[in-house]
Amino acid sequence: MENKNVPAVKKQNTNVVAKSNNKVVAYLGDKKLEISTPLNIGDKDIKQITLREPKVKDLKAISHIHDELEQTTTLIANLGGFTLEEVEDFPTHIYFKLSDLLKPFLHLA
């Protein structure tokens, strides 16, 4: 039996993104990956990898590369201060974590 004194509750549409006043942040910040055990790259033991926020010139520098894996490897090297050879020696799980860190920078909505 329905109680007519209780107002109906409307289900909120969670798929709707709230519109802001069209302001965006000027800087998203660097992305860091903490590593629990040191990663030996070259002569260095690395416990943290920092990828700086890319600029348009970083994207232009990889625009001629058509292979997505090569693009990402080059971008990680450029933003993290590594050589391509060093990035190619990263374990795959580290590589994929770094690739995920790049996504907020590269998302085009």
Protein backbone atom coordinates (compact mmCIF):
# COMPACT_ATOMS: atom_id res chain seq x y z
CA MET A 1 0.00 0.00 0.00
CA GLU A 2 1.39 3.38 -1.04
CA ASN A 3 1.59 6.17 1.52
CA LYS A 4 0.40 9.37 -0.15
CA ASN A 5 1.93 11.59 2.55
CA VAL A 6 5.49 10.50 1.72
CA PRO A 7 6.96 12.41 -1.20
CA ALA A 8 8.33 10.33 -4.06
CA VAL A 9 12.10 10.13 -4.23
CA LYS A 10 13.54 10.78 -7.65
CA LYS A 11 16.55 8.72 -8.58
CA GLN A 12 19.48 10.96 -9.34
CA ASN A 13 20.95 10.55 -12.80
CA THR A 14 24.58 9.65 -12.10
CA ASN A 15 25.50 9.78 -15.78
CA VAL A 16 25.11 13.53 -15.99
CA VAL A 17 28.32 15.46 -15.45
CA ALA A 18 27.85 18.75 -13.67
CA LYS A 19 28.70 21.69 -15.87
CA SER A 20 31.12 24.12 -14.30
CA ASN A 21 31.70 27.71 -15.20
CA ASN A 22 34.12 26.58 -17.96
CA LYS A 23 37.23 27.17 -15.85
CA VAL A 24 40.10 24.73 -16.15
CA VAL A 25 43.22 24.35 -14.08
CA ALA A 26 46.36 25.73 -15.67
CA TYR A 27 48.58 22.89 -14.52
CA LEU A 28 47.69 19.27 -13.74
CA GLY A 29 51.02 18.58 -12.05
CA ASP A 30 53.64 15.91 -12.41
CA LYS A 31 52.74 12.24 -11.99
CA LYS A 32 54.81 10.03 -9.70
CA LEU A 33 55.17 6.28 -9.45
CA GLU A 34 56.59 4.96 -6.17
CA ILE A 35 58.46 1.67 -6.50
CA SER A 36 58.64 -0.57 -3.42
CA THR A 37 61.95 -2.18 -4.37
CA PRO A 38 64.67 -0.30 -6.25
CA LEU A 39 64.61 -0.56 -10.02
CA ASN A 40 68.15 -0.77 -11.37
CA ILE A 41 68.43 1.23 -14.58
CA GLY A 42 71.93 1.88 -15.84
CA ASP A 43 74.01 2.62 -12.76
CA LYS A 44 71.05 4.00 -10.80
CA ASP A 45 68.71 2.41 -8.29
CA ILE A 46 65.35 4.11 -8.79
CA LYS A 47 62.62 4.15 -6.12
CA GLN A 48 60.43 6.78 -7.76
CA ILE A 49 59.73 7.79 -11.34
CA THR A 50 58.35 11.25 -12.01
CA LEU A 51 56.73 12.14 -15.32
CA ARG A 52 56.44 15.87 -15.81
CA GLU A 53 53.29 17.22 -17.36
CA PRO A 54 53.68 17.18 -21.15
CA LYS A 55 53.53 20.31 -23.25
CA VAL A 56 52.27 20.60 -26.80
CA LYS A 57 55.86 20.41 -28.07
CA ASP A 58 56.18 16.98 -26.40
CA LEU A 59 53.16 15.75 -28.32
CA LYS A 60 54.48 17.25 -31.55
CA ALA A 61 57.77 15.43 -30.99
CA ILE A 62 55.99 12.06 -31.13
CA SER A 63 53.36 12.90 -33.75
CA HIS A 64 55.46 11.42 -36.57
CA ILE A 65 55.60 8.05 -34.78
CA HIS A 66 52.69 5.87 -35.90
CA ASP A 67 53.22 2.93 -33.55
CA GLU A 68 51.42 3.52 -30.22
CA LEU A 69 53.97 1.50 -28.24
CA GLU A 70 56.84 3.56 -29.69
CA GLN A 71 54.94 6.80 -29.03
CA THR A 72 54.35 5.89 -25.39
CA THR A 73 57.92 4.66 -24.88
CA THR A 74 59.31 7.89 -26.34
CA LEU A 75 56.95 10.04 -24.28
CA ILE A 76 57.88 8.23 -21.04
CA ALA A 77 61.57 8.68 -21.88
CA ASN A 78 61.17 12.38 -22.66
CA LEU A 79 58.95 13.21 -19.68
CA GLY A 80 60.85 11.06 -17.20
CA GLY A 81 64.39 12.01 -18.18
CA PHE A 82 65.34 8.55 -19.42
CA THR A 83 66.83 7.31 -22.65
CA LEU A 84 64.75 5.11 -24.95
CA GLU A 85 67.05 2.21 -24.13
CA GLU A 86 66.43 2.67 -20.39
CA VAL A 87 62.66 2.69 -20.83
CA GLU A 88 62.88 -0.40 -23.02
CA ASP A 89 64.61 -2.14 -20.09
CA PHE A 90 61.76 -1.35 -17.66
CA PRO A 91 59.75 -4.37 -16.51
CA THR A 92 56.43 -4.44 -18.34
CA HIS A 93 54.36 -3.86 -15.20
CA ILE A 94 56.29 -0.62 -14.56
CA TYR A 95 55.84 0.40 -18.20
CA PHE A 96 52.07 -0.16 -18.04
CA LYS A 97 51.77 1.76 -14.74
CA LEU A 98 53.60 4.69 -16.34
CA SER A 99 51.38 4.45 -19.42
CA ASP A 100 48.35 4.72 -17.13
CA LEU A 101 49.84 7.82 -15.49
CA LEU A 102 49.98 9.50 -18.91
CA LYS A 103 46.27 9.02 -19.64
CA PRO A 104 44.97 12.12 -17.77
CA PHE A 105 47.36 14.26 -19.80
CA LEU A 106 46.32 12.79 -23.12
CA HIS A 107 42.56 12.50 -22.63
CA LEU A 108 40.77 14.57 -25.23
CA ALA A 109 37.10 15.07 -24.45
